[in-house]
């Protein structure tokens, strides 16, 4: 299964908090920087289409967060928001990133919100893809994701079986998004045994047992312009959550993406990319 992805311009692995964390980059090294943080069971390459749509005017840097992609798994299974945020802080220090724009989807959105609240001097703008206070613990989508984590197989007998599993739990995403998931979230350990690239067991235990962080105080502390890219059909960030974010955060602009659920950049990529590009272009000179 192959998909068209823009070629990675640079990639590297950096020692961060005792783990080797991998990242990929697209675009010129001297362009404005967009740091991108993926969701719960995702990977840096999920933002390849976003980087391609932004074109050569942006340097997009996407991190494989601990336990995912080509980054190390945490032997102590510390998969919670504040640990991820500590990683991001040390990682951007190591890369020498002084000022940048920040994008986060779902779990990565929570991490981005907390980091942006901590590092107001660095984050020029914050784009949140379908994440908000109370969504992880109190929404139908949060319950759906917990059920998925509990029933996800440890391995598959074939690539086709793995693709069918991804399609069964992501019915709304594009074929290109399914191909990306198969390509980047799985590997062949032995003939007839396809396994996850991410620490499925450790991540599932953390998601099922660690209470989600309260995002309200962090979101309200963010000082930069905020874009909420909300899936109009999302079962995760409800209309009530998105409306409360609008009402309580004067810096926040809300965009409802038609035809998109929780996986906005994979459900409606063209609309998502246009909205993100418009927001980033407006903030690039600040």
Protein backbone atom coordinates (compact mmCIF):
# COMPACT_ATOMS: atom_id res chain seq x y z
CA UNK A 1 0.00 0.00 0.00
CA UNK A 2 1.66 3.25 -1.11
CA UNK A 3 0.73 6.89 -0.74
CA UNK A 4 2.16 10.13 -2.06
CA UNK A 5 3.97 11.96 0.73
CA UNK A 6 6.33 14.91 0.36
CA UNK A 7 9.89 13.73 0.92
CA UNK A 8 11.31 14.41 4.35
CA UNK A 9 13.87 17.22 4.16
CA UNK A 10 15.70 16.36 7.37
CA UNK A 11 15.34 13.95 10.27
CA UNK A 12 17.26 13.34 13.45
CA UNK A 13 17.23 11.55 16.79
CA UNK A 14 17.96 13.53 19.95
CA UNK A 15 18.67 12.31 23.48
CA UNK A 16 15.90 13.79 25.64
CA UNK A 17 15.19 12.89 29.27
CA UNK A 18 16.95 9.54 28.92
CA UNK A 19 15.16 8.55 25.70
CA UNK A 20 16.07 8.91 22.03
CA UNK A 21 13.33 10.98 20.41
CA UNK A 22 13.04 11.05 16.62
CA UNK A 23 11.66 13.86 14.50
CA UNK A 24 11.16 14.63 10.84
CA UNK A 25 11.20 17.96 9.01
CA UNK A 26 9.88 19.36 5.77
CA UNK A 27 10.78 22.69 4.19
CA UNK A 28 13.69 25.15 4.23
CA UNK A 29 15.77 25.42 7.39
CA UNK A 30 15.42 29.22 7.42
CA UNK A 31 11.61 29.33 7.01
CA UNK A 32 9.16 30.11 9.84
CA UNK A 33 8.83 27.04 12.08
CA UNK A 34 5.68 25.03 12.79
CA UNK A 35 6.19 22.36 15.47
CA UNK A 36 3.58 19.58 15.17
CA UNK A 37 2.55 17.11 17.91
CA UNK A 38 0.54 14.04 16.94
CA UNK A 39 -2.25 12.19 18.72
CA UNK A 40 -2.44 9.16 21.01
CA UNK A 41 -1.45 6.35 18.63
CA UNK A 42 -0.06 8.43 15.84
CA UNK A 43 3.40 9.43 14.60
CA UNK A 44 5.32 12.34 13.13
CA UNK A 45 4.60 11.41 9.50
CA UNK A 46 0.87 11.94 10.02
CA UNK A 47 1.59 15.60 9.26
CA UNK A 48 3.18 14.91 5.86
CA UNK A 49 0.08 16.09 4.03
CA UNK A 50 -0.11 19.22 6.15
CA UNK A 51 3.53 20.01 5.38
CA UNK A 52 2.94 19.43 1.68
CA UNK A 53 -0.06 21.76 1.67
CA UNK A 54 1.86 24.52 3.45
CA UNK A 55 4.56 24.30 0.80
CA UNK A 56 8.12 25.54 0.91
CA UNK A 57 7.32 28.66 2.91
CA UNK A 58 7.30 26.75 6.20
CA UNK A 59 9.68 24.54 8.11
CA UNK A 60 7.41 21.88 9.62
CA UNK A 61 9.03 19.84 12.41
CA UNK A 62 7.04 16.85 13.66
CA UNK A 63 8.08 14.87 16.72
CA UNK A 64 7.60 11.15 17.33
CA UNK A 65 6.56 11.53 20.95
CA UNK A 66 7.89 9.00 23.44
CA UNK A 67 6.71 5.47 22.78
CA UNK A 68 5.73 6.19 19.17
CA UNK A 69 7.18 6.04 15.68
CA UNK A 70 10.95 5.76 15.74
CA UNK A 71 11.34 7.21 19.23
CA UNK A 72 12.22 5.04 22.21
CA UNK A 73 9.58 3.39 24.33
CA UNK A 74 9.66 4.44 27.97
CA UNK A 75 10.65 1.42 30.11
CA UNK A 76 8.83 3.05 33.04
CA UNK A 77 5.77 3.73 30.87
CA UNK A 78 5.51 7.40 31.82
CA UNK A 79 2.94 8.33 29.23
CA UNK A 80 1.15 11.35 30.67
CA UNK A 81 0.75 14.98 29.70
CA UNK A 82 3.34 16.62 31.94
CA UNK A 83 6.03 14.12 30.91
CA UNK A 84 5.31 14.73 27.22
CA UNK A 85 5.47 18.48 27.84
CA UNK A 86 8.82 18.14 29.60
CA UNK A 87 10.04 16.26 26.53
CA UNK A 88 8.85 19.01 24.20
CA UNK A 89 10.57 21.68 26.27
CA UNK A 90 13.91 19.87 26.35
CA UNK A 91 13.61 18.92 22.67
CA UNK A 92 12.99 22.45 21.36
CA UNK A 93 15.92 23.59 23.52
CA UNK A 94 18.13 20.95 21.94
CA UNK A 95 17.03 22.02 18.44
CA UNK A 96 17.69 25.68 19.29
CA UNK A 97 14.15 26.78 18.42
CA UNK A 98 13.62 30.24 19.89
CA UNK A 99 10.24 31.23 18.42
CA UNK A 100 7.80 29.01 16.59
CA UNK A 101 4.18 28.21 15.86
CA UNK A 102 2.67 25.11 17.48
CA UNK A 103 0.10 22.57 16.24
CA UNK A 104 -1.25 19.66 18.25
CA UNK A 105 -3.88 17.03 17.52
CA UNK A 106 -5.86 15.29 20.30
CA UNK A 107 -3.26 14.12 22.86
CA UNK A 108 -0.75 16.34 21.06
CA UNK A 109 -3.25 19.17 21.41
CA UNK A 110 -3.29 18.74 25.18
CA UNK A 111 0.50 18.71 25.20
CA UNK A 112 0.58 21.81 22.99
CA UNK A 113 -1.83 23.72 25.23
CA UNK A 114 0.19 23.00 28.39
CA UNK A 115 3.49 23.79 26.68
CA UNK A 116 2.16 27.06 25.21
CA UNK A 117 0.99 28.13 28.67
CA UNK A 118 4.47 27.42 30.05
CA UNK A 119 6.48 28.99 27.23
CA UNK A 120 4.66 32.17 26.25
CA UNK A 121 7.93 33.75 25.13
CA UNK A 122 8.44 31.06 22.48
CA UNK A 123 5.03 30.15 21.05
CA UNK A 124 3.90 32.67 18.43
CA UNK A 125 0.57 30.98 17.77
CA UNK A 126 -1.23 27.79 18.81
CA UNK A 127 -3.40 25.63 16.55
CA UNK A 128 -5.45 23.03 18.43
CA UNK A 129 -6.88 20.17 16.39
CA UNK A 130 -9.99 18.79 18.12
CA UNK A 131 -8.91 18.90 21.75
CA UNK A 132 -10.44 20.76 24.65
CA UNK A 133 -11.04 20.70 28.39
CA UNK A 134 -13.12 17.72 29.49
CA UNK A 135 -13.06 15.96 26.12
CA UNK A 136 -10.78 13.08 27.14
CA UNK A 137 -12.73 12.19 30.27
CA UNK A 138 -16.30 13.21 29.54
CA UNK A 139 -17.10 12.79 25.85
CA UNK A 140 -18.48 9.91 23.83
CA UNK A 141 -15.29 10.07 21.78
CA UNK A 142 -13.18 9.68 24.91
CA UNK A 143 -15.15 6.56 25.82
CA UNK A 144 -14.80 5.26 22.26
CA UNK A 145 -11.03 5.70 22.34
CA UNK A 146 -10.75 3.93 25.70
CA UNK A 147 -12.76 1.01 24.29
CA UNK A 148 -10.50 0.91 21.22
CA UNK A 149 -7.40 0.80 23.39
CA UNK A 150 -8.79 -2.07 25.44
CA UNK A 151 -9.62 -4.21 22.40
CA UNK A 152 -6.73 -3.47 20.03
CA UNK A 153 -4.89 -6.67 18.98
CA UNK A 154 -1.22 -6.95 19.78
CA UNK A 155 -0.44 -8.18 16.27
CA UNK A 156 -1.90 -9.09 12.87
CA UNK A 157 -1.25 -11.97 10.50
CA UNK A 158 -1.12 -9.82 7.37
CA UNK A 159 -0.92 -6.22 6.19
CA UNK A 160 -4.45 -6.52 4.81
CA UNK A 161 -5.74 -7.58 8.23
CA UNK A 162 -4.00 -4.59 9.80
CA UNK A 163 -5.49 -2.22 7.21
CA UNK A 164 -8.97 -3.65 7.84
CA UNK A 165 -8.54 -3.05 11.57
CA UNK A 166 -7.53 0.58 11.02
CA UNK A 167 -10.48 1.10 8.67
CA UNK A 168 -12.87 -0.46 11.22
CA UNK A 169 -11.93 2.12 13.86
CA UNK A 170 -11.36 5.08 11.51
CA UNK A 171 -14.26 4.82 9.05
CA UNK A 172 -14.24 8.51 8.12
CA UNK A 173 -10.60 9.11 7.21
CA UNK A 174 -9.30 9.10 3.65
CA UNK A 175 -7.73 6.09 1.97
CA UNK A 176 -4.44 7.99 2.04
CA UNK A 177 -4.75 8.30 5.82
CA UNK A 178 -5.32 4.55 6.22
CA UNK A 179 -2.30 3.88 4.03
CA UNK A 180 -0.23 6.24 6.17
CA UNK A 181 -1.30 4.48 9.36
CA UNK A 182 -0.41 1.06 7.97
CA UNK A 183 2.91 2.33 6.66
CA UNK A 184 4.05 4.25 9.75
CA UNK A 185 2.38 2.63 12.78
CA UNK A 186 3.17 -1.03 12.03
CA UNK A 187 6.16 -3.18 11.16
CA UNK A 188 6.73 -6.81 10.17
CA UNK A 189 8.42 -8.51 13.14
CA UNK A 190 8.42 -11.93 11.43
CA UNK A 191 6.57 -13.55 8.52
CA UNK A 192 2.89 -13.58 9.42
CA UNK A 193 3.35 -11.27 12.40
CA UNK A 194 2.69 -7.54 11.96
CA UNK A 195 3.18 -5.58 15.19
CA UNK A 196 2.80 -1.98 16.34
CA UNK A 197 5.64 0.50 16.14
CA UNK A 198 4.28 2.22 19.25
CA UNK A 199 4.16 0.89 22.82
CA UNK A 200 0.55 -0.27 22.52
CA UNK A 201 0.37 -1.97 25.91
CA UNK A 202 2.04 0.84 27.84
CA UNK A 203 0.08 3.57 26.10
CA UNK A 204 -3.19 1.67 26.65
CA UNK A 205 -2.47 1.24 30.35
CA UNK A 206 -1.76 4.95 30.72
CA UNK A 207 -4.86 6.00 28.77
CA UNK A 208 -7.09 3.66 30.76
CA UNK A 209 -5.65 4.35 34.22
CA UNK A 210 -4.27 7.90 34.40
CA UNK A 211 -6.90 10.64 34.84
CA UNK A 212 -6.66 13.28 32.10
CA UNK A 213 -5.17 16.63 33.06
CA UNK A 214 -7.53 19.57 33.62
CA UNK A 215 -6.79 21.74 30.59
CA UNK A 216 -8.78 24.80 31.63
CA UNK A 217 -6.11 26.58 33.71
CA UNK A 218 -3.53 25.93 31.01
CA UNK A 219 -5.74 27.05 28.14
CA UNK A 220 -6.70 30.23 29.97
CA UNK A 221 -3.02 30.98 30.58
CA UNK A 222 -2.06 30.86 26.88
CA UNK A 223 -1.02 34.33 25.73
CA UNK A 224 -0.77 33.87 21.96
CA UNK A 225 -3.49 33.73 19.27
CA UNK A 226 -5.26 30.34 19.23
CA UNK A 227 -7.02 28.51 16.43
CA UNK A 228 -9.40 25.68 17.34
CA UNK A 229 -9.83 23.37 14.35
CA UNK A 230 -12.96 21.54 15.47
CA UNK A 231 -14.43 18.59 13.63
CA UNK A 232 -18.03 19.57 12.96
CA UNK A 233 -19.03 15.90 13.44
CA UNK A 234 -16.59 15.20 16.28
CA UNK A 235 -17.69 12.85 19.05
CA UNK A 236 -14.71 14.03 21.11
CA UNK A 237 -14.85 17.82 21.30
CA UNK A 238 -18.57 18.49 21.57
CA UNK A 239 -20.20 21.71 20.46
CA UNK A 240 -20.63 22.57 24.15
CA UNK A 241 -16.89 22.22 24.79
CA UNK A 242 -15.96 24.23 21.69
CA UNK A 243 -18.46 26.97 22.61
CA UNK A 244 -17.12 27.18 26.16
CA UNK A 245 -13.59 27.52 24.77
CA UNK A 246 -14.76 30.39 22.55
CA UNK A 247 -16.55 32.15 25.36
CA UNK A 248 -13.76 31.87 27.92
CA UNK A 249 -10.77 32.47 25.63
CA UNK A 250 -10.87 35.84 23.84
CA UNK A 251 -7.73 34.95 21.89
CA UNK A 252 -9.36 31.83 20.43
CA UNK A 253 -10.76 31.61 16.92
CA UNK A 254 -13.01 28.61 16.25
CA UNK A 255 -13.28 26.94 12.87
CA UNK A 256 -15.76 24.08 12.45
CA UNK A 257 -14.49 21.75 9.74
CA UNK A 258 -17.43 20.27 7.80
CA UNK A 259 -17.42 16.53 7.22
CA UNK A 260 -14.74 15.96 9.86
CA UNK A 261 -14.89 13.99 13.07
CA UNK A 262 -12.10 13.86 15.64
CA UNK A 263 -9.37 13.08 13.06
CA UNK A 264 -9.76 16.43 11.32
CA UNK A 265 -6.64 16.59 9.15
CA UNK A 266 -7.34 13.06 7.90
CA UNK A 267 -11.13 13.43 7.51
CA UNK A 268 -11.17 16.74 5.62
CA UNK A 269 -7.57 17.51 4.65
CA UNK A 270 -8.23 20.23 2.08
CA UNK A 271 -10.43 22.34 4.36
CA UNK A 272 -8.14 21.75 7.35
CA UNK A 273 -5.01 22.75 5.44
CA UNK A 274 -6.62 25.89 4.02
CA UNK A 275 -7.80 27.03 7.46
CA UNK A 276 -4.44 26.30 9.07
CA UNK A 277 -2.51 28.05 6.29
CA UNK A 278 -4.71 31.16 6.57
CA UNK A 279 -4.20 31.32 10.34
CA UNK A 280 -0.46 30.77 10.18
CA UNK A 281 -0.02 33.33 7.43
CA UNK A 282 -1.90 35.90 9.50
CA UNK A 283 0.34 35.23 12.52
CA UNK A 284 3.65 34.80 10.72
CA UNK A 285 4.64 38.43 11.06
CA UNK A 286 3.94 38.68 14.80
